[in-house]
PDB file of N, CA and C in Angstrom:
ATOM      1  N   MET A   1      39.762 -59.953 314.234  1.00  0.00           N
ATOM      2  CA  MET A   1      39.175 -58.954 313.405  1.00  0.00           C
ATOM      3  C   MET A   1      40.647 -58.664 312.346  1.00  0.00           C
ATOM      4  N   ILE A   2      40.391 -58.116 310.990  1.00  0.00           N
ATOM      5  CA  ILE A   2      40.846 -57.977 310.011  1.00  0.00           C
ATOM      6  C   ILE A   2      41.450 -56.428 310.153  1.00  0.00           C
ATOM      7  N   ASP A   3      42.442 -56.284 310.161  1.00  0.00           N
ATOM      8  CA  ASP A   3      43.375 -54.799 310.116  1.00  0.00           C
ATOM      9  C   ASP A   3      42.911 -54.109 309.002  1.00  0.00           C
ATOM     10  N   PRO A   4      42.462 -53.284 309.079  1.00  0.00           N
ATOM     11  CA  PRO A   4      42.224 -52.635 307.104  1.00  0.00           C
ATOM     12  C   PRO A   4      43.593 -52.028 306.993  1.00  0.00           C
ATOM     13  N   THR A   5      44.488 -51.605 307.883  1.00  0.00           N
ATOM     14  CA  THR A   5      45.466 -50.666 307.051  1.00  0.00           C
ATOM     15  C   THR A   5      46.350 -51.784 306.562  1.00  0.00           C
ATOM     16  N   THR A   6      46.083 -52.987 306.791  1.00  0.00           N
ATOM     17  CA  THR A   6      47.195 -53.828 306.217  1.00  0.00           C
ATOM     18  C   THR A   6      45.983 -55.026 304.982  1.00  0.00           C
ATOM     19  N   ALA A   7      45.866 -53.953 304.255  1.00  0.00           N
ATOM     20  CA  ALA A   7      45.002 -54.864 302.715  1.00  0.00           C
ATOM     21  C   ALA A   7      45.850 -56.232 302.204  1.00  0.00           C
ATOM     22  N   PRO A   8      44.686 -57.130 302.360  1.00  0.00           N
ATOM     23  CA  PRO A   8      45.237 -58.315 301.390  1.00  0.00           C
ATOM     24  C   PRO A   8      45.924 -57.870 300.485  1.00  0.00           C
ATOM     25  N   GLU A   9      47.129 -59.204 300.186  1.00  0.00           N
ATOM     26  CA  GLU A   9      47.657 -59.233 298.760  1.00  0.00           C
ATOM     27  C   GLU A   9      46.310 -59.073 297.508  1.00  0.00           C
ATOM     28  N   SER A  10      46.752 -58.563 296.420  1.00  0.00           N
ATOM     29  CA  SER A  10      45.973 -58.563 295.500  1.00  0.00           C
ATOM     30  C   SER A  10      46.393 -59.947 294.428  1.00  0.00           C
ATOM     31  N   ALA A  11      45.547 -60.653 293.906  1.00  0.00           N
ATOM     32  CA  ALA A  11      45.833 -62.036 292.950  1.00  0.00           C
ATOM     33  C   ALA A  11      47.237 -61.738 292.349  1.00  0.00           C
ATOM     34  N   ALA A  12      47.061 -60.754 291.831  1.00  0.00           N
ATOM     35  CA  ALA A  12      48.372 -60.489 290.839  1.00  0.00           C
ATOM     36  C   ALA A  12      50.014 -60.059 291.530  1.00  0.00           C
ATOM     37  N   GLN A  13      50.004 -59.882 292.919  1.00  0.00           N
ATOM     38  CA  GLN A  13      50.604 -59.563 293.827  1.00  0.00           C
ATOM     39  C   GLN A  13      51.597 -60.808 294.196  1.00  0.00           C
ATOM     40  N   ILE A  14      50.215 -61.673 294.648  1.00  0.00           N
ATOM     41  CA  ILE A  14      50.643 -63.093 294.841  1.00  0.00           C
ATOM     42  C   ILE A  14      51.061 -63.680 293.312  1.00  0.00           C
ATOM     43  N   ARG A  15      50.747 -63.838 292.382  1.00  0.00           N
ATOM     44  CA  ARG A  15      51.301 -64.333 291.195  1.00  0.00           C
ATOM     45  C   ARG A  15      52.685 -64.045 291.068  1.00  0.00           C
ATOM     46  N   ARG A  16      52.819 -62.576 291.216  1.00  0.00           N
ATOM     47  CA  ARG A  16      54.580 -61.835 290.972  1.00  0.00           C
ATOM     48  C   ARG A  16      55.796 -62.346 292.231  1.00  0.00           C
ATOM     49  N   THR A  17      54.689 -62.783 293.085  1.00  0.00           N
ATOM     50  CA  THR A  17      55.689 -63.058 294.277  1.00  0.00           C
ATOM     51  C   THR A  17      56.017 -64.545 294.267  1.00  0.00           C
ATOM     52  N   ALA A  18      55.344 -65.554 294.018  1.00  0.00           N
ATOM     53  CA  ALA A  18      55.644 -66.921 293.564  1.00  0.00           C
ATOM     54  C   ALA A  18      56.482 -66.664 292.127  1.00  0.00           C
ATOM     55  N   LEU A  19      56.186 -66.145 290.904  1.00  0.00           N
ATOM     56  CA  LEU A  19      57.446 -65.919 290.359  1.00  0.00           C
ATOM     57  C   LEU A  19      58.658 -65.538 290.792  1.00  0.00           C
ATOM     58  N   TYR A  20      58.657 -64.666 291.353  1.00  0.00           N
ATOM     59  CA  TYR A  20      59.943 -64.208 291.923  1.00  0.00           C
ATOM     60  C   TYR A  20      60.766 -65.165 292.835  1.00  0.00           C
ATOM     61  N   LEU A  21      59.874 -65.561 293.996  1.00  0.00           N
ATOM     62  CA  LEU A  21      60.729 -66.823 294.666  1.00  0.00           C
ATOM     63  C   LEU A  21      61.095 -67.691 293.958  1.00  0.00           C
ATOM     64  N   THR A  22      60.559 -68.355 292.866  1.00  0.00           N
ATOM     65  CA  THR A  22      61.156 -69.105 292.060  1.00  0.00           C
ATOM     66  C   THR A  22      62.399 -68.793 291.193  1.00  0.00           C
ATOM     67  N   LEU A  23      62.187 -67.914 291.033  1.00  0.00           N
ATOM     68  CA  LEU A  23      62.839 -67.421 289.626  1.00  0.00           C
ATOM     69  C   LEU A  23      64.320 -67.189 290.791  1.00  0.00           C
ATOM     70  N   ALA A  24      64.532 -66.621 291.932  1.00  0.00           N
ATOM     71  CA  ALA A  24      65.394 -66.635 292.688  1.00  0.00           C
ATOM     72  C   ALA A  24      66.507 -67.766 292.930  1.00  0.00           C
ATOM     73  N   GLN A  25      65.208 -68.894 293.241  1.00  0.00           N
ATOM     74  CA  GLN A  25      66.460 -69.995 292.749  1.00  0.00           C
ATOM     75  C   GLN A  25      66.743 -70.785 291.850  1.00  0.00           C
ATOM     76  N   VAL A  26      66.850 -70.150 290.602  1.00  0.00           N
ATOM     77  CA  VAL A  26      67.531 -70.895 289.831  1.00  0.00           C
ATOM     78  C   VAL A  26      68.915 -70.620 289.880  1.00  0.00           C
ATOM     79  N   PRO A  27      69.593 -71.877 289.727  1.00  0.00           N
ATOM     80  CA  PRO A  27      71.371 -71.361 290.210  1.00  0.00           C
ATOM     81  C   PRO A  27      72.139 -70.955 288.789  1.00  0.00           C
ATOM     82  N   GLU A  28      73.320 -70.858 289.436  1.00  0.00           N
ATOM     83  CA  GLU A  28      74.154 -69.822 288.370  1.00  0.00           C
ATOM     84  C   GLU A  28      74.712 -70.868 287.182  1.00  0.00           C
ATOM     85  N   GLY A  29      74.592 -70.293 286.454  1.00  0.00           N
ATOM     86  CA  GLY A  29      75.509 -71.739 285.285  1.00  0.00           C
ATOM     87  C   GLY A  29      73.864 -72.648 284.867  1.00  0.00           C
ATOM     88  N   LYS A  30      72.504 -72.231 285.161  1.00  0.00           N
ATOM     89  CA  LYS A  30      71.385 -72.980 285.069  1.00  0.00           C
ATOM     90  C   LYS A  30      70.538 -71.993 284.276  1.00  0.00           C
ATOM     91  N   VAL A  31      69.320 -72.571 283.214  1.00  0.00           N
ATOM     92  CA  VAL A  31      68.743 -71.929 282.575  1.00  0.00           C
ATOM     93  C   VAL A  31      67.361 -72.665 283.016  1.00  0.00           C
ATOM     94  N   VAL A  32      66.366 -71.900 282.559  1.00  0.00           N
ATOM     95  CA  VAL A  32      64.573 -71.928 282.008  1.00  0.00           C
ATOM     96  C   VAL A  32      63.743 -71.736 281.437  1.00  0.00           C
ATOM     97  N   SER A  33      62.929 -71.978 280.931  1.00  0.00           N
ATOM     98  CA  SER A  33      62.238 -71.127 280.116  1.00  0.00           C
ATOM     99  C   SER A  33      61.178 -70.871 280.727  1.00  0.00           C
ATOM    100  N   TYR A  34      60.441 -69.624 279.893  1.00  0.00           N
ATOM    101  CA  TYR A  34      59.413 -69.017 280.446  1.00  0.00           C
ATOM    102  C   TYR A  34      57.950 -69.824 281.036  1.00  0.00           C
ATOM    103  N   GLY A  35      57.863 -70.924 280.111  1.00  0.00           N
ATOM    104  CA  GLY A  35      57.076 -71.931 280.864  1.00  0.00           C
ATOM    105  C   GLY A  35      57.331 -72.763 281.952  1.00  0.00           C
ATOM    106  N   GLN A  36      58.404 -73.633 281.832  1.00  0.00           N
ATOM    107  CA  GLN A  36      58.872 -74.314 282.705  1.00  0.00           C
ATOM    108  C   GLN A  36      58.859 -73.488 284.175  1.00  0.00           C
ATOM    109  N   LEU A  37      59.372 -71.953 284.020  1.00  0.00           N
ATOM    110  CA  LEU A  37      59.057 -71.142 285.273  1.00  0.00           C
ATOM    111  C   LEU A  37      57.697 -71.142 285.728  1.00  0.00           C
ATOM    112  N   ALA A  38      57.078 -70.768 285.086  1.00  0.00           N
ATOM    113  CA  ALA A  38      55.667 -70.463 285.505  1.00  0.00           C
ATOM    114  C   ALA A  38      54.707 -72.006 286.051  1.00  0.00           C
ATOM    115  N   GLU A  39      55.293 -73.093 285.629  1.00  0.00           N
ATOM    116  CA  GLU A  39      55.226 -74.283 286.528  1.00  0.00           C
ATOM    117  C   GLU A  39      55.513 -74.590 287.287  1.00  0.00           C
ATOM    118  N   LEU A  40      56.763 -73.998 287.544  1.00  0.00           N
ATOM    119  CA  LEU A  40      57.516 -74.501 289.019  1.00  0.00           C
ATOM    120  C   LEU A  40      56.756 -73.397 289.746  1.00  0.00           C
ATOM    121  N   ALA A  41      56.354 -71.933 289.498  1.00  0.00           N
ATOM    122  CA  ALA A  41      55.585 -71.108 290.452  1.00  0.00           C
ATOM    123  C   ALA A  41      54.320 -71.609 290.725  1.00  0.00           C
ATOM    124  N   GLY A  42      53.770 -72.601 289.958  1.00  0.00           N
ATOM    125  CA  GLY A  42      52.780 -72.908 290.315  1.00  0.00           C
ATOM    126  C   GLY A  42      51.684 -72.229 289.725  1.00  0.00           C
ATOM    127  N   LEU A  43      51.759 -71.592 288.373  1.00  0.00           N
ATOM    128  CA  LEU A  43      51.036 -70.853 287.829  1.00  0.00           C
ATOM    129  C   LEU A  43      50.287 -70.997 286.467  1.00  0.00           C
ATOM    130  N   GLY A  44      50.586 -72.464 286.486  1.00  0.00           N
ATOM    131  CA  GLY A  44      50.201 -73.061 285.329  1.00  0.00           C
ATOM    132  C   GLY A  44      50.952 -72.562 283.618  1.00  0.00           C
ATOM    133  N   ARG A  45      50.118 -72.718 282.827  1.00  0.00           N
ATOM    134  CA  ARG A  45      50.476 -72.161 281.302  1.00  0.00           C
ATOM    135  C   ARG A  45      50.752 -70.720 281.178  1.00  0.00           C
ATOM    136  N   ALA A  46      51.626 -70.063 282.091  1.00  0.00           N
ATOM    137  CA  ALA A  46      51.637 -68.881 281.962  1.00  0.00           C
ATOM    138  C   ALA A  46      52.821 -68.281 281.142  1.00  0.00           C
ATOM    139  N   ALA A  47      53.185 -68.982 280.290  1.00  0.00           N
ATOM    140  CA  ALA A  47      54.886 -68.347 279.828  1.00  0.00           C
ATOM    141  C   ALA A  47      54.605 -67.055 279.095  1.00  0.00           C
ATOM    142  N   ARG A  48      53.461 -66.563 278.794  1.00  0.00           N
ATOM    143  CA  ARG A  48      53.682 -65.201 278.415  1.00  0.00           C
ATOM    144  C   ARG A  48      53.376 -64.129 279.608  1.00  0.00           C
ATOM    145  N   TRP A  49      52.667 -64.557 280.232  1.00  0.00           N
ATOM    146  CA  TRP A  49      52.229 -63.705 281.070  1.00  0.00           C
ATOM    147  C   TRP A  49      53.810 -63.367 282.374  1.00  0.00           C
ATOM    148  N   VAL A  50      54.462 -64.758 282.243  1.00  0.00           N
ATOM    149  CA  VAL A  50      56.190 -64.465 283.121  1.00  0.00           C
ATOM    150  C   VAL A  50      57.036 -63.710 282.210  1.00  0.00           C
ATOM    151  N   GLY A  51      56.756 -63.720 280.700  1.00  0.00           N
ATOM    152  CA  GLY A  51      58.103 -62.756 280.104  1.00  0.00           C
ATOM    153  C   GLY A  51      57.533 -61.614 280.159  1.00  0.00           C
ATOM    154  N   ARG A  52      55.995 -60.993 280.221  1.00  0.00           N
ATOM    155  CA  ARG A  52      55.622 -59.836 280.199  1.00  0.00           C
ATOM    156  C   ARG A  52      56.282 -59.391 281.647  1.00  0.00           C
ATOM    157  N   THR A  53      55.819 -59.932 282.667  1.00  0.00           N
ATOM    158  CA  THR A  53      56.188 -59.398 283.972  1.00  0.00           C
ATOM    159  C   THR A  53      57.769 -59.466 284.305  1.00  0.00           C
ATOM    160  N   LEU A  54      58.526 -60.144 283.448  1.00  0.00           N
ATOM    161  CA  LEU A  54      60.233 -59.817 283.420  1.00  0.00           C
ATOM    162  C   LEU A  54      60.905 -58.991 283.154  1.00  0.00           C
ATOM    163  N   SER A  55      59.913 -58.573 281.442  1.00  0.00           N
ATOM    164  CA  SER A  55      60.334 -57.499 280.780  1.00  0.00           C
ATOM    165  C   SER A  55      60.158 -56.049 282.032  1.00  0.00           C
ATOM    166  N   GLN A  56      59.414 -56.000 283.011  1.00  0.00           N
ATOM    167  CA  GLN A  56      58.624 -55.073 283.818  1.00  0.00           C
ATOM    168  C   GLN A  56      59.669 -54.504 284.876  1.00  0.00           C
ATOM    169  N   LEU A  57      60.875 -55.825 285.220  1.00  0.00           N
ATOM    170  CA  LEU A  57      61.569 -55.766 286.238  1.00  0.00           C
ATOM    171  C   LEU A  57      62.137 -54.212 286.270  1.00  0.00           C
ATOM    172  N   PRO A  58      62.764 -53.700 287.466  1.00  0.00           N
ATOM    173  CA  PRO A  58      63.238 -52.707 287.675  1.00  0.00           C
ATOM    174  C   PRO A  58      64.388 -53.082 287.350  1.00  0.00           C
ATOM    175  N   GLY A  59      65.181 -52.325 286.426  1.00  0.00           N
ATOM    176  CA  GLY A  59      66.799 -52.082 285.963  1.00  0.00           C
ATOM    177  C   GLY A  59      67.867 -52.691 286.614  1.00  0.00           C
ATOM    178  N   ASP A  60      67.541 -52.134 288.163  1.00  0.00           N
ATOM    179  CA  ASP A  60      68.680 -52.931 289.389  1.00  0.00           C
ATOM    180  C   ASP A  60      67.675 -54.069 289.964  1.00  0.00           C
ATOM    181  N   SER A  61      66.984 -54.498 289.396  1.00  0.00           N
ATOM    182  CA  SER A  61      66.542 -55.950 290.256  1.00  0.00           C
ATOM    183  C   SER A  61      67.732 -56.954 290.125  1.00  0.00           C
ATOM    184  N   LYS A  62      68.247 -57.829 291.362  1.00  0.00           N
ATOM    185  CA  LYS A  62      68.881 -58.541 291.423  1.00  0.00           C
ATOM    186  C   LYS A  62      68.430 -60.334 291.381  1.00  0.00           C
ATOM    187  N   LEU A  63      67.101 -59.886 290.933  1.00  0.00           N
ATOM    188  CA  LEU A  63      66.623 -61.329 290.210  1.00  0.00           C
ATOM    189  C   LEU A  63      67.422 -61.757 288.678  1.00  0.00           C
ATOM    190  N   PRO A  64      67.673 -63.293 288.720  1.00  0.00           N
ATOM    191  CA  PRO A  64      68.754 -63.691 287.560  1.00  0.00           C
ATOM    192  C   PRO A  64      67.561 -63.960 286.400  1.00  0.00           C
ATOM    193  N   TRP A  65      67.046 -62.543 285.995  1.00  0.00           N
ATOM    194  CA  TRP A  65      65.774 -62.949 284.860  1.00  0.00           C
ATOM    195  C   TRP A  65      66.806 -63.366 283.230  1.00  0.00           C
ATOM    196  N   HIS A  66      68.097 -62.864 283.645  1.00  0.00           N
ATOM    197  CA  HIS A  66      68.520 -63.693 282.453  1.00  0.00           C
ATOM    198  C   HIS A  66      68.874 -64.872 282.016  1.00  0.00           C
ATOM    199  N   ARG A  67      68.164 -65.746 283.242  1.00  0.00           N
ATOM    200  CA  ARG A  67      68.645 -67.437 283.077  1.00  0.00           C
ATOM    201  C   ARG A  67      67.125 -67.922 282.505  1.00  0.00           C
ATOM    202  N   VAL A  68      66.568 -67.143 282.261  1.00  0.00           N
ATOM    203  CA  VAL A  68      64.876 -67.261 281.666  1.00  0.00           C
ATOM    204  C   VAL A  68      64.709 -66.902 280.336  1.00  0.00           C
ATOM    205  N   LEU A  69      64.549 -68.465 279.272  1.00  0.00           N
ATOM    206  CA  LEU A  69      64.958 -68.274 277.825  1.00  0.00           C
ATOM    207  C   LEU A  69      63.207 -68.916 277.543  1.00  0.00           C
ATOM    208  N   ALA A  70      62.981 -68.387 276.267  1.00  0.00           N
ATOM    209  CA  ALA A  70      61.770 -69.098 275.748  1.00  0.00           C
ATOM    210  C   ALA A  70      62.308 -70.492 275.466  1.00  0.00           C
ATOM    211  N   ALA A  71      61.528 -71.522 274.704  1.00  0.00           N
ATOM    212  CA  ALA A  71      61.059 -72.881 274.404  1.00  0.00           C
ATOM    213  C   ALA A  71      62.358 -73.139 273.500  1.00  0.00           C
ATOM    214  N   GLY A  72      63.044 -74.415 273.992  1.00  0.00           N
ATOM    215  CA  GLY A  72      63.837 -75.112 273.484  1.00  0.00           C
ATOM    216  C   GLY A  72      65.437 -73.973 273.698  1.00  0.00           C
ATOM    217  N   GLY A  73      65.385 -73.617 274.456  1.00  0.00           N
ATOM    218  CA  GLY A  73      66.544 -72.520 274.982  1.00  0.00           C
ATOM    219  C   GLY A  73      66.858 -71.349 274.148  1.00  0.00           C
ATOM    220  N   ARG A  74      65.815 -71.141 273.436  1.00  0.00           N
ATOM    221  CA  ARG A  74      65.870 -69.979 272.694  1.00  0.00           C
ATOM    222  C   ARG A  74      66.028 -68.545 273.159  1.00  0.00           C
ATOM    223  N   ILE A  75      66.843 -67.825 272.993  1.00  0.00           N
ATOM    224  CA  ILE A  75      67.212 -66.229 273.364  1.00  0.00           C
ATOM    225  C   ILE A  75      66.217 -65.283 272.366  1.00  0.00           C
ATOM    226  N   SER A  76      65.089 -65.354 273.265  1.00  0.00           N
ATOM    227  CA  SER A  76      64.608 -64.179 272.550  1.00  0.00           C
ATOM    228  C   SER A  76      64.622 -62.750 272.547  1.00  0.00           C
ATOM    229  N   LEU A  77      65.487 -62.205 273.681  1.00  0.00           N
ATOM    230  CA  LEU A  77      65.626 -61.160 273.094  1.00  0.00           C
ATOM    231  C   LEU A  77      66.824 -60.351 272.019  1.00  0.00           C
ATOM    232  N   PRO A  78      66.263 -59.695 271.283  1.00  0.00           N
ATOM    233  CA  PRO A  78      66.667 -59.424 270.475  1.00  0.00           C
ATOM    234  C   PRO A  78      69.164 -59.219 270.068  1.00  0.00           C
ATOM    235  N   ALA A  79      69.700 -59.512 269.462  1.00  0.00           N
ATOM    236  CA  ALA A  79      70.777 -59.622 269.927  1.00  0.00           C
ATOM    237  C   ALA A  79      70.921 -58.170 269.457  1.00  0.00           C
ATOM    238  N   GLY A  80      72.036 -57.437 269.983  1.00  0.00           N
ATOM    239  CA  GLY A  80      72.344 -56.064 269.419  1.00  0.00           C
ATOM    240  C   GLY A  80      71.126 -55.071 270.147  1.00  0.00           C
ATOM    241  N   SER A  81      70.535 -55.492 271.382  1.00  0.00           N
ATOM    242  CA  SER A  81      69.720 -54.633 271.829  1.00  0.00           C
ATOM    243  C   SER A  81      69.963 -54.436 273.224  1.00  0.00           C
ATOM    244  N   PRO A  82      69.986 -53.501 274.147  1.00  0.00           N
ATOM    245  CA  PRO A  82      70.572 -53.538 275.538  1.00  0.00           C
ATOM    246  C   PRO A  82      70.424 -54.731 276.199  1.00  0.00           C
ATOM    247  N   SER A  83      69.351 -54.955 276.354  1.00  0.00           N
ATOM    248  CA  SER A  83      68.863 -56.129 277.212  1.00  0.00           C
ATOM    249  C   SER A  83      69.258 -57.664 276.559  1.00  0.00           C
ATOM    250  N   GLY A  84      69.249 -57.848 275.329  1.00  0.00           N
ATOM    251  CA  GLY A  84      69.860 -58.967 274.624  1.00  0.00           C
ATOM    252  C   GLY A  84      71.327 -59.306 274.717  1.00  0.00           C
ATOM    253  N   ASP A  85      71.834 -58.012 274.665  1.00  0.00           N
ATOM    254  CA  ASP A  85      73.228 -58.211 274.818  1.00  0.00           C
ATOM    255  C   ASP A  85      73.745 -58.443 276.161  1.00  0.00           C
ATOM    256  N   GLU A  86      73.024 -57.602 277.165  1.00  0.00           N
ATOM    257  CA  GLU A  86      73.456 -57.789 278.627  1.00  0.00           C
ATOM    258  C   GLU A  86      72.852 -59.420 279.131  1.00  0.00           C
ATOM    259  N   GLN A  87      71.857 -60.161 278.161  1.00  0.00           N
ATOM    260  CA  GLN A  87      71.710 -61.307 279.011  1.00  0.00           C
ATOM    261  C   GLN A  87      72.518 -62.533 278.181  1.00  0.00           C
ATOM    262  N   ARG A  88      73.164 -62.211 276.750  1.00  0.00           N
ATOM    263  CA  ARG A  88      73.759 -63.126 276.572  1.00  0.00           C
ATOM    264  C   ARG A  88      75.401 -62.609 277.329  1.00  0.00           C
ATOM    265  N   ALA A  89      75.609 -61.884 277.858  1.00  0.00           N
ATOM    266  CA  ALA A  89      76.953 -61.541 278.683  1.00  0.00           C
ATOM    267  C   ALA A  89      77.115 -62.723 280.076  1.00  0.00           C
ATOM    268  N   ARG A  90      76.049 -61.848 280.390  1.00  0.00           N
ATOM    269  CA  ARG A  90      75.934 -62.522 281.900  1.00  0.00           C
ATOM    270  C   ARG A  90      75.807 -64.238 281.547  1.00  0.00           C
ATOM    271  N   LEU A  91      75.203 -64.633 280.957  1.00  0.00           N
ATOM    272  CA  LEU A  91      75.469 -65.774 280.398  1.00  0.00           C
ATOM    273  C   LEU A  91      76.339 -66.556 280.218  1.00  0.00           C
ATOM    274  N   ARG A  92      76.971 -65.898 279.611  1.00  0.00           N
ATOM    275  CA  ARG A  92      78.532 -66.186 279.081  1.00  0.00           C
ATOM    276  C   ARG A  92      79.404 -66.332 280.431  1.00  0.00           C
ATOM    277  N   MET A  93      79.182 -65.482 281.213  1.00  0.00           N
ATOM    278  CA  MET A  93      80.259 -65.303 282.312  1.00  0.00           C
ATOM    279  C   MET A  93      79.846 -66.315 283.316  1.00  0.00           C
ATOM    280  N   GLU A  94      78.467 -66.872 283.185  1.00  0.00           N
ATOM    281  CA  GLU A  94      78.475 -68.452 283.810  1.00  0.00           C
ATOM    282  C   GLU A  94      78.975 -69.421 283.403  1.00  0.00           C
ATOM    283  N   GLY A  95      79.531 -69.241 282.744  1.00  0.00           N
ATOM    284  CA  GLY A  95      79.992 -70.289 281.891  1.00  0.00           C
ATOM    285  C   GLY A  95      79.025 -71.301 280.908  1.00  0.00           C
ATOM    286  N   ILE A  96      77.895 -70.504 280.268  1.00  0.00           N
ATOM    287  CA  ILE A  96      76.811 -71.042 279.794  1.00  0.00           C
ATOM    288  C   ILE A  96      77.213 -70.280 277.959  1.00  0.00           C
ATOM    289  N   SER A  97      77.251 -71.568 277.278  1.00  0.00           N
ATOM    290  CA  SER A  97      77.824 -71.233 275.789  1.00  0.00           C
ATOM    291  C   SER A  97      76.675 -71.099 275.267  1.00  0.00           C
ATOM    292  N   ILE A  98      76.562 -70.477 274.201  1.00  0.00           N
ATOM    293  CA  ILE A  98      75.192 -69.936 273.402  1.00  0.00           C
ATOM    294  C   ILE A  98      75.617 -69.836 271.977  1.00  0.00           C
ATOM    295  N   LEU A  99      75.010 -71.035 271.317  1.00  0.00           N
ATOM    296  CA  LEU A  99      75.024 -71.403 269.644  1.00  0.00           C
ATOM    297  C   LEU A  99      73.903 -71.279 269.150  1.00  0.00           C
ATOM    298  N   ASN A 100      74.393 -70.063 267.671  1.00  0.00           N
ATOM    299  CA  ASN A 100      73.015 -70.240 266.867  1.00  0.00           C
ATOM    300  C   ASN A 100      71.827 -69.729 267.786  1.00  0.00           C
ATOM    301  N   ASN A 101      72.057 -68.726 268.786  1.00  0.00           N
ATOM    302  CA  ASN A 101      70.971 -68.046 269.561  1.00  0.00           C
ATOM    303  C   ASN A 101      70.291 -68.973 270.696  1.00  0.00           C
ATOM    304  N   ARG A 102      71.136 -70.297 271.023  1.00  0.00           N
ATOM    305  CA  ARG A 102      70.424 -71.076 271.248  1.00  0.00           C
ATOM    306  C   ARG A 102      71.077 -71.709 272.728  1.00  0.00           C
ATOM    307  N   VAL A 103      70.545 -71.727 274.057  1.00  0.00           N
ATOM    308  CA  VAL A 103      71.479 -72.619 275.132  1.00  0.00           C
ATOM    309  C   VAL A 103      71.393 -73.906 274.996  1.00  0.00           C
ATOM    310  N   ASP A 104      72.335 -74.772 275.046  1.00  0.00           N
ATOM    311  CA  ASP A 104      72.120 -75.985 275.079  1.00  0.00           C
ATOM    312  C   ASP A 104      70.997 -76.569 276.440  1.00  0.00           C
ATOM    313  N   ILE A 105      70.137 -76.838 275.982  1.00  0.00           N
ATOM    314  CA  ILE A 105      68.874 -77.308 277.604  1.00  0.00           C
ATOM    315  C   ILE A 105      69.345 -78.416 278.257  1.00  0.00           C
ATOM    316  N   GLN A 106      69.767 -79.553 277.605  1.00  0.00           N
ATOM    317  CA  GLN A 106      70.219 -80.888 278.321  1.00  0.00           C
ATOM    318  C   GLN A 106      71.566 -80.471 279.197  1.00  0.00           C
ATOM    319  N   ARG A 107      72.244 -79.890 278.759  1.00  0.00           N
ATOM    320  CA  ARG A 107      73.480 -79.162 279.340  1.00  0.00           C
ATOM    321  C   ARG A 107      72.921 -78.294 280.352  1.00  0.00           C
ATOM    322  N   HIS A 108      72.681 -77.424 280.043  1.00  0.00           N
ATOM    323  CA  HIS A 108      72.297 -76.202 281.335  1.00  0.00           C
ATOM    324  C   HIS A 108      70.998 -75.772 281.717  1.00  0.00           C
ATOM    325  N   GLY A 109      70.206 -76.974 281.196  1.00  0.00           N
ATOM    326  CA  GLY A 109      68.800 -76.807 281.968  1.00  0.00           C
ATOM    327  C   GLY A 109      68.848 -76.889 283.294  1.00  0.00           C
ATOM    328  N   TRP A 110      67.930 -75.983 284.077  1.00  0.00           N
ATOM    329  CA  TRP A 110      67.769 -76.366 285.493  1.00  0.00           C
ATOM    330  C   TRP A 110      66.539 -77.510 285.828  1.00  0.00           C
ATOM    331  N   ARG A 111      66.927 -78.484 286.410  1.00  0.00           N
ATOM    332  CA  ARG A 111      66.065 -79.660 286.839  1.00  0.00           C
ATOM    333  C   ARG A 111      65.546 -79.705 288.826  1.00  0.00           C
ATOM    334  N   PRO A 112      64.763 -78.970 288.958  1.00  0.00           N
ATOM    335  CA  PRO A 112      65.034 -78.824 290.661  1.00  0.00           C
ATOM    336  C   PRO A 112      64.528 -80.244 291.103  1.00  0.00           C
ATOM    337  N   VAL A 113      64.725 -80.698 292.533  1.00  0.00           N
ATOM    338  CA  VAL A 113      64.747 -81.869 293.054  1.00  0.00           C
ATOM    339  C   VAL A 113      63.204 -81.864 292.932  1.00  0.00           C
ATOM    340  N   GLU A 114      62.213 -83.025 292.523  1.00  0.00           N
ATOM    341  CA  GLU A 114      61.111 -82.694 292.771  1.00  0.00           C
ATOM    342  C   GLU A 114      60.400 -83.638 293.757  1.00  0.00           C
ATOM    343  N   HIS A 115      60.075 -83.310 294.879  1.00  0.00           N
ATOM    344  CA  HIS A 115      59.236 -83.546 295.945  1.00  0.00           C
ATOM    345  C   HIS A 115      58.032 -85.109 295.503  1.00  0.00           C
ATOM    346  N   SER A 116      58.116 -85.916 295.862  1.00  0.00           N
ATOM    347  CA  SER A 116      57.209 -86.531 295.748  1.00  0.00           C
ATOM    348  C   SER A 116      56.437 -87.100 297.401  1.00  0.00           C
ATOM    349  N   GLY A 117      54.890 -86.757 297.047  1.00  0.00           N
ATOM    350  CA  GLY A 117      54.202 -86.994 297.986  1.00  0.00           C
ATOM    351  C   GLY A 117      53.318 -86.273 298.339  1.00  0.00           C
TER     352      GLY A 117
END
């Protein structure tokens, strides 16, 4: 019998959990795009949703949100904004170089091992 005190997770909660679990795996010194993160989390083509959801993280979140970039390695948070400056500082502390508001995806992009089968 289903216990009514433990309501099932909503679809939105399940999506967020998948996103957070995947984001938590991005290693230091590596970056992913919003779209790649959505794909890896099994959320399909949800890059904008990923961006919106990450923008709502609490300020004390331990998730490495700063490792998520726009397509082509572009940093979408504006330079001079508190979050944009924090993102750039965190990336640089991890040894990621930023040139013309972009990160070299070939060099710093995260490519998790794909499981075949």
